[in-house]
Amino acid sequence: MTTSQSSHTPTAPALHVFEQAGGWHWGITVPRMMGSGFKVIAFSEKTFSVEDAARTDGSQALASLADNSTCN
């Protein structure tokens, strides 16, 4: 998992699972504070062969982010 360094965000992160270049990936985003769109805060570096595997790994990463935010 790769994450960016960011300050505490007041909105809940969202998991996105998508197919790209012949494999499945996941990304976690939060809405941007100013303006529009979303900011990617984590993504998979690994390519998964099936959607369910990407979703499971992404869900674990999302849970880990949530656990870390409650400790800070």
PDB file of N, CA and C in Angstrom:
ATOM      1  N   MET A   1       0.848  -1.169   0.000  1.00  0.00           N
ATOM      2  CA  MET A   1       0.000   0.000   0.000  1.00  0.00           C
ATOM      3  C   MET A   1       0.888   1.224   0.000  1.00  0.00           C
ATOM      4  N   THR A   2       0.510   2.198  -0.774  1.00  0.00           N
ATOM      5  CA  THR A   2       1.188   3.487  -0.775  1.00  0.00           C
ATOM      6  C   THR A   2       0.207   4.524  -0.281  1.00  0.00           C
ATOM      7  N   THR A   3       0.646   5.348   0.660  1.00  0.00           N
ATOM      8  CA  THR A   3      -0.206   6.411   1.176  1.00  0.00           C
ATOM      9  C   THR A   3       0.523   7.731   1.061  1.00  0.00           C
ATOM     10  N   SER A   4      -0.252   8.790   0.980  1.00  0.00           N
ATOM     11  CA  SER A   4       0.344  10.119   0.969  1.00  0.00           C
ATOM     12  C   SER A   4       0.334  10.664   2.386  1.00  0.00           C
ATOM     13  N   GLN A   5       1.213  11.611   2.647  1.00  0.00           N
ATOM     14  CA  GLN A   5       1.223  12.279   3.938  1.00  0.00           C
ATOM     15  C   GLN A   5       0.146  13.347   3.889  1.00  0.00           C
ATOM     16  N   SER A   6      -0.834  13.262   4.766  1.00  0.00           N
ATOM     17  CA  SER A   6      -1.885  14.269   4.765  1.00  0.00           C
ATOM     18  C   SER A   6      -2.318  14.569   6.191  1.00  0.00           C
ATOM     19  N   SER A   7      -2.911  15.722   6.353  1.00  0.00           N
ATOM     20  CA  SER A   7      -3.432  16.098   7.663  1.00  0.00           C
ATOM     21  C   SER A   7      -4.768  15.409   7.875  1.00  0.00           C
ATOM     22  N   HIS A   8      -5.261  15.497   9.083  1.00  0.00           N
ATOM     23  CA  HIS A   8      -6.555  14.898   9.415  1.00  0.00           C
ATOM     24  C   HIS A   8      -7.635  15.464   8.496  1.00  0.00           C
ATOM     25  N   THR A   9      -8.424  14.606   7.923  1.00  0.00           N
ATOM     26  CA  THR A   9      -9.511  15.051   7.055  1.00  0.00           C
ATOM     27  C   THR A   9     -10.841  14.793   7.759  1.00  0.00           C
ATOM     28  N   PRO A  10     -11.787  15.715   7.686  1.00  0.00           N
ATOM     29  CA  PRO A  10     -13.045  15.580   8.402  1.00  0.00           C
ATOM     30  C   PRO A  10     -14.054  14.661   7.723  1.00  0.00           C
ATOM     31  N   THR A  11     -13.757  14.160   6.551  1.00  0.00           N
ATOM     32  CA  THR A  11     -14.697  13.301   5.835  1.00  0.00           C
ATOM     33  C   THR A  11     -14.172  11.878   5.795  1.00  0.00           C
ATOM     34  N   ALA A  12     -15.073  10.941   5.673  1.00  0.00           N
ATOM     35  CA  ALA A  12     -14.718   9.529   5.680  1.00  0.00           C
ATOM     36  C   ALA A  12     -14.092   9.121   4.343  1.00  0.00           C
ATOM     37  N   PRO A  13     -13.013   8.352   4.390  1.00  0.00           N
ATOM     38  CA  PRO A  13     -12.410   7.828   3.159  1.00  0.00           C
ATOM     39  C   PRO A  13     -13.344   6.825   2.484  1.00  0.00           C
ATOM     40  N   ALA A  14     -13.237   6.721   1.167  1.00  0.00           N
ATOM     41  CA  ALA A  14     -14.059   5.782   0.399  1.00  0.00           C
ATOM     42  C   ALA A  14     -13.152   4.861  -0.420  1.00  0.00           C
ATOM     43  N   LEU A  15     -13.518   3.587  -0.471  1.00  0.00           N
ATOM     44  CA  LEU A  15     -12.784   2.586  -1.245  1.00  0.00           C
ATOM     45  C   LEU A  15     -13.367   2.500  -2.654  1.00  0.00           C
ATOM     46  N   HIS A  16     -12.485   2.465  -3.638  1.00  0.00           N
ATOM     47  CA  HIS A  16     -12.879   2.290  -5.041  1.00  0.00           C
ATOM     48  C   HIS A  16     -12.100   1.104  -5.593  1.00  0.00           C
ATOM     49  N   VAL A  17     -12.792   0.190  -6.246  1.00  0.00           N
ATOM     50  CA  VAL A  17     -12.158  -0.972  -6.888  1.00  0.00           C
ATOM     51  C   VAL A  17     -12.439  -0.855  -8.378  1.00  0.00           C
ATOM     52  N   PHE A  18     -11.386  -1.026  -9.190  1.00  0.00           N
ATOM     53  CA  PHE A  18     -11.548  -0.828 -10.630  1.00  0.00           C
ATOM     54  C   PHE A  18     -10.615  -1.735 -11.409  1.00  0.00           C
ATOM     55  N   GLU A  19     -10.989  -1.971 -12.653  1.00  0.00           N
ATOM     56  CA  GLU A  19     -10.170  -2.782 -13.555  1.00  0.00           C
ATOM     57  C   GLU A  19      -9.399  -1.852 -14.480  1.00  0.00           C
ATOM     58  N   GLN A  20      -8.110  -2.140 -14.618  1.00  0.00           N
ATOM     59  CA  GLN A  20      -7.258  -1.320 -15.476  1.00  0.00           C
ATOM     60  C   GLN A  20      -6.089  -2.163 -15.953  1.00  0.00           C
ATOM     61  N   ALA A  21      -5.785  -2.077 -17.221  1.00  0.00           N
ATOM     62  CA  ALA A  21      -4.625  -2.758 -17.812  1.00  0.00           C
ATOM     63  C   ALA A  21      -4.623  -4.260 -17.512  1.00  0.00           C
ATOM     64  N   GLY A  22      -5.784  -4.875 -17.590  1.00  0.00           N
ATOM     65  CA  GLY A  22      -5.874  -6.328 -17.440  1.00  0.00           C
ATOM     66  C   GLY A  22      -5.846  -6.855 -16.024  1.00  0.00           C
ATOM     67  N   GLY A  23      -6.012  -5.992 -15.030  1.00  0.00           N
ATOM     68  CA  GLY A  23      -6.024  -6.447 -13.642  1.00  0.00           C
ATOM     69  C   GLY A  23      -6.878  -5.534 -12.789  1.00  0.00           C
ATOM     70  N   TRP A  24      -7.089  -5.957 -11.549  1.00  0.00           N
ATOM     71  CA  TRP A  24      -7.919  -5.203 -10.612  1.00  0.00           C
ATOM     72  C   TRP A  24      -7.047  -4.440  -9.630  1.00  0.00           C
ATOM     73  N   HIS A  25      -7.478  -3.238  -9.284  1.00  0.00           N
ATOM     74  CA  HIS A  25      -6.757  -2.355  -8.375  1.00  0.00           C
ATOM     75  C   HIS A  25      -7.762  -1.728  -7.411  1.00  0.00           C
ATOM     76  N   TRP A  26      -7.253  -1.147  -6.356  1.00  0.00           N
ATOM     77  CA  TRP A  26      -8.107  -0.377  -5.453  1.00  0.00           C
ATOM     78  C   TRP A  26      -7.445   0.957  -5.146  1.00  0.00           C
ATOM     79  N   GLY A  27      -8.277   1.918  -4.784  1.00  0.00           N
ATOM     80  CA  GLY A  27      -7.814   3.227  -4.343  1.00  0.00           C
ATOM     81  C   GLY A  27      -8.724   3.720  -3.242  1.00  0.00           C
ATOM     82  N   ILE A  28      -8.186   4.537  -2.360  1.00  0.00           N
ATOM     83  CA  ILE A  28      -8.968   5.132  -1.282  1.00  0.00           C
ATOM     84  C   ILE A  28      -8.894   6.647  -1.468  1.00  0.00           C
ATOM     85  N   THR A  29     -10.052   7.280  -1.463  1.00  0.00           N
ATOM     86  CA  THR A  29     -10.119   8.725  -1.692  1.00  0.00           C
ATOM     87  C   THR A  29     -10.870   9.425  -0.569  1.00  0.00           C
ATOM     88  N   VAL A  30     -10.641  10.737  -0.487  1.00  0.00           N
ATOM     89  CA  VAL A  30     -11.429  11.634   0.363  1.00  0.00           C
ATOM     90  C   VAL A  30     -11.783  12.848  -0.489  1.00  0.00           C
ATOM     91  N   PRO A  31     -12.921  13.472  -0.224  1.00  0.00           N
ATOM     92  CA  PRO A  31     -13.262  14.692  -0.962  1.00  0.00           C
ATOM     93  C   PRO A  31     -12.241  15.791  -0.661  1.00  0.00           C
ATOM     94  N   ARG A  32     -11.937  16.594  -1.657  1.00  0.00           N
ATOM     95  CA  ARG A  32     -11.025  17.730  -1.458  1.00  0.00           C
ATOM     96  C   ARG A  32     -11.708  18.774  -0.575  1.00  0.00           C
ATOM     97  N   MET A  33     -10.901  19.425   0.255  1.00  0.00           N
ATOM     98  CA  MET A  33     -11.426  20.439   1.162  1.00  0.00           C
ATOM     99  C   MET A  33     -11.925  21.657   0.382  1.00  0.00           C
ATOM    100  N   MET A  34     -11.134  22.124  -0.573  1.00  0.00           N
ATOM    101  CA  MET A  34     -11.501  23.287  -1.375  1.00  0.00           C
ATOM    102  C   MET A  34     -11.655  22.830  -2.821  1.00  0.00           C
ATOM    103  N   GLY A  35     -12.596  23.396  -3.489  1.00  0.00           N
ATOM    104  CA  GLY A  35     -12.774  23.029  -4.887  1.00  0.00           C
ATOM    105  C   GLY A  35     -13.593  21.766  -5.035  1.00  0.00           C
ATOM    106  N   SER A  36     -13.322  21.052  -6.116  1.00  0.00           N
ATOM    107  CA  SER A  36     -14.111  19.858  -6.378  1.00  0.00           C
ATOM    108  C   SER A  36     -13.199  18.665  -6.573  1.00  0.00           C
ATOM    109  N   GLY A  37     -13.805  17.519  -6.622  1.00  0.00           N
ATOM    110  CA  GLY A  37     -13.053  16.301  -6.873  1.00  0.00           C
ATOM    111  C   GLY A  37     -12.635  15.599  -5.597  1.00  0.00           C
ATOM    112  N   PHE A  38     -11.738  14.640  -5.787  1.00  0.00           N
ATOM    113  CA  PHE A  38     -11.297  13.796  -4.695  1.00  0.00           C
ATOM    114  C   PHE A  38      -9.784  13.733  -4.667  1.00  0.00           C
ATOM    115  N   LYS A  39      -9.251  13.433  -3.503  1.00  0.00           N
ATOM    116  CA  LYS A  39      -7.818  13.256  -3.328  1.00  0.00           C
ATOM    117  C   LYS A  39      -7.556  11.785  -3.020  1.00  0.00           C
ATOM    118  N   VAL A  40      -6.642  11.168  -3.761  1.00  0.00           N
ATOM    119  CA  VAL A  40      -6.266   9.782  -3.506  1.00  0.00           C
ATOM    120  C   VAL A  40      -5.313   9.777  -2.315  1.00  0.00           C
ATOM    121  N   ILE A  41      -5.657   9.017  -1.268  1.00  0.00           N
ATOM    122  CA  ILE A  41      -4.806   8.953  -0.087  1.00  0.00           C
ATOM    123  C   ILE A  41      -4.102   7.606   0.046  1.00  0.00           C
ATOM    124  N   ALA A  42      -4.545   6.602  -0.723  1.00  0.00           N
ATOM    125  CA  ALA A  42      -3.879   5.297  -0.720  1.00  0.00           C
ATOM    126  C   ALA A  42      -4.300   4.548  -1.981  1.00  0.00           C
ATOM    127  N   PHE A  43      -3.418   3.661  -2.451  1.00  0.00           N
ATOM    128  CA  PHE A  43      -3.751   2.858  -3.627  1.00  0.00           C
ATOM    129  C   PHE A  43      -2.931   1.583  -3.621  1.00  0.00           C
ATOM    130  N   SER A  44      -3.395   0.606  -4.388  1.00  0.00           N
ATOM    131  CA  SER A  44      -2.684  -0.669  -4.471  1.00  0.00           C
ATOM    132  C   SER A  44      -1.546  -0.562  -5.472  1.00  0.00           C
ATOM    133  N   GLU A  45      -0.417  -1.071  -5.078  1.00  0.00           N
ATOM    134  CA  GLU A  45       0.704  -1.181  -6.018  1.00  0.00           C
ATOM    135  C   GLU A  45       0.647  -2.533  -6.723  1.00  0.00           C
ATOM    136  N   LYS A  46      -0.018  -3.474  -6.096  1.00  0.00           N
ATOM    137  CA  LYS A  46      -0.167  -4.828  -6.634  1.00  0.00           C
ATOM    138  C   LYS A  46      -1.368  -4.870  -7.572  1.00  0.00           C
ATOM    139  N   THR A  47      -1.279  -5.665  -8.625  1.00  0.00           N
ATOM    140  CA  THR A  47      -2.405  -5.925  -9.517  1.00  0.00           C
ATOM    141  C   THR A  47      -3.028  -7.254  -9.113  1.00  0.00           C
ATOM    142  N   PHE A  48      -4.335  -7.282  -8.956  1.00  0.00           N
ATOM    143  CA  PHE A  48      -5.056  -8.481  -8.544  1.00  0.00           C
ATOM    144  C   PHE A  48      -5.734  -9.109  -9.753  1.00  0.00           C
ATOM    145  N   SER A  49      -5.784 -10.430  -9.760  1.00  0.00           N
ATOM    146  CA  SER A  49      -6.371 -11.128 -10.908  1.00  0.00           C
ATOM    147  C   SER A  49      -7.898 -11.152 -10.860  1.00  0.00           C
ATOM    148  N   VAL A  50      -8.472 -10.988  -9.671  1.00  0.00           N
ATOM    149  CA  VAL A  50      -9.934 -10.981  -9.533  1.00  0.00           C
ATOM    150  C   VAL A  50     -10.372  -9.797  -8.676  1.00  0.00           C
ATOM    151  N   GLU A  51     -11.572  -9.324  -8.940  1.00  0.00           N
ATOM    152  CA  GLU A  51     -12.108  -8.160  -8.240  1.00  0.00           C
ATOM    153  C   GLU A  51     -12.212  -8.389  -6.736  1.00  0.00           C
ATOM    154  N   ASP A  52     -12.679  -9.566  -6.328  1.00  0.00           N
ATOM    155  CA  ASP A  52     -12.866  -9.848  -4.900  1.00  0.00           C
ATOM    156  C   ASP A  52     -11.564  -9.733  -4.113  1.00  0.00           C
ATOM    157  N   ALA A  53     -10.455 -10.167  -4.698  1.00  0.00           N
ATOM    158  CA  ALA A  53      -9.163 -10.074  -4.015  1.00  0.00           C
ATOM    159  C   ALA A  53      -8.761  -8.613  -3.834  1.00  0.00           C
ATOM    160  N   ALA A  54      -8.987  -7.804  -4.848  1.00  0.00           N
ATOM    161  CA  ALA A  54      -8.678  -6.372  -4.738  1.00  0.00           C
ATOM    162  C   ALA A  54      -9.560  -5.719  -3.688  1.00  0.00           C
ATOM    163  N   ARG A  55     -10.845  -6.076  -3.677  1.00  0.00           N
ATOM    164  CA  ARG A  55     -11.779  -5.494  -2.706  1.00  0.00           C
ATOM    165  C   ARG A  55     -11.402  -5.891  -1.276  1.00  0.00           C
ATOM    166  N   THR A  56     -11.018  -7.134  -1.073  1.00  0.00           N
ATOM    167  CA  THR A  56     -10.618  -7.597   0.259  1.00  0.00           C
ATOM    168  C   THR A  56      -9.377  -6.858   0.742  1.00  0.00           C
ATOM    169  N   ASP A  57      -8.365  -6.750  -0.126  1.00  0.00           N
ATOM    170  CA  ASP A  57      -7.135  -6.062   0.241  1.00  0.00           C
ATOM    171  C   ASP A  57      -7.402  -4.579   0.504  1.00  0.00           C
ATOM    172  N   GLY A  58      -8.206  -3.960  -0.347  1.00  0.00           N
ATOM    173  CA  GLY A  58      -8.548  -2.554  -0.161  1.00  0.00           C
ATOM    174  C   GLY A  58      -9.343  -2.318   1.112  1.00  0.00           C
ATOM    175  N   SER A  59     -10.231  -3.233   1.438  1.00  0.00           N
ATOM    176  CA  SER A  59     -11.011  -3.115   2.677  1.00  0.00           C
ATOM    177  C   SER A  59     -10.108  -3.192   3.900  1.00  0.00           C
ATOM    178  N   GLN A  60      -9.109  -4.059   3.838  1.00  0.00           N
ATOM    179  CA  GLN A  60      -8.148  -4.155   4.940  1.00  0.00           C
ATOM    180  C   GLN A  60      -7.342  -2.864   5.070  1.00  0.00           C
ATOM    181  N   ALA A  61      -6.947  -2.286   3.947  1.00  0.00           N
ATOM    182  CA  ALA A  61      -6.203  -1.026   3.973  1.00  0.00           C
ATOM    183  C   ALA A  61      -7.077   0.094   4.533  1.00  0.00           C
ATOM    184  N   LEU A  62      -8.341   0.127   4.131  1.00  0.00           N
ATOM    185  CA  LEU A  62      -9.269   1.135   4.633  1.00  0.00           C
ATOM    186  C   LEU A  62      -9.453   0.990   6.139  1.00  0.00           C
ATOM    187  N   ALA A  63      -9.598  -0.232   6.615  1.00  0.00           N
ATOM    188  CA  ALA A  63      -9.737  -0.476   8.055  1.00  0.00           C
ATOM    189  C   ALA A  63      -8.470  -0.047   8.798  1.00  0.00           C
ATOM    190  N   SER A  64      -7.322  -0.297   8.202  1.00  0.00           N
ATOM    191  CA  SER A  64      -6.047   0.101   8.809  1.00  0.00           C
ATOM    192  C   SER A  64      -5.955   1.622   8.913  1.00  0.00           C
ATOM    193  N   LEU A  65      -6.394   2.331   7.879  1.00  0.00           N
ATOM    194  CA  LEU A  65      -6.403   3.798   7.923  1.00  0.00           C
ATOM    195  C   LEU A  65      -7.325   4.295   9.029  1.00  0.00           C
ATOM    196  N   ALA A  66      -8.484   3.660   9.165  1.00  0.00           N
ATOM    197  CA  ALA A  66      -9.435   4.056  10.194  1.00  0.00           C
ATOM    198  C   ALA A  66      -8.853   3.792  11.576  1.00  0.00           C
ATOM    199  N   ASP A  67      -8.197   2.645  11.758  1.00  0.00           N
ATOM    200  CA  ASP A  67      -7.557   2.316  13.035  1.00  0.00           C
ATOM    201  C   ASP A  67      -6.475   3.316  13.375  1.00  0.00           C
ATOM    202  N   ASN A  68      -5.664   3.695  12.400  1.00  0.00           N
ATOM    203  CA  ASN A  68      -4.579   4.653  12.623  1.00  0.00           C
ATOM    204  C   ASN A  68      -5.098   6.035  12.954  1.00  0.00           C
ATOM    205  N   SER A  69      -6.227   6.427  12.373  1.00  0.00           N
ATOM    206  CA  SER A  69      -6.757   7.770  12.632  1.00  0.00           C
ATOM    207  C   SER A  69      -7.336   7.883  14.041  1.00  0.00           C
ATOM    208  N   THR A  70      -7.778   6.777  14.616  1.00  0.00           N
ATOM    209  CA  THR A  70      -8.304   6.827  15.978  1.00  0.00           C
ATOM    210  C   THR A  70      -7.196   6.842  17.004  1.00  0.00           C
ATOM    211  N   CYS A  71      -5.989   6.466  16.602  1.00  0.00           N
ATOM    212  CA  CYS A  71      -4.842   6.463  17.515  1.00  0.00           C
ATOM    213  C   CYS A  71      -4.156   7.815  17.564  1.00  0.00           C
ATOM    214  N   ASN A  72      -4.422   8.699  16.616  1.00  0.00           N
ATOM    215  CA  ASN A  72      -3.717   9.995  16.544  1.00  0.00           C
ATOM    216  C   ASN A  72      -4.476  11.077  17.259  1.00  0.00           C
TER     217      ASN A  72
END
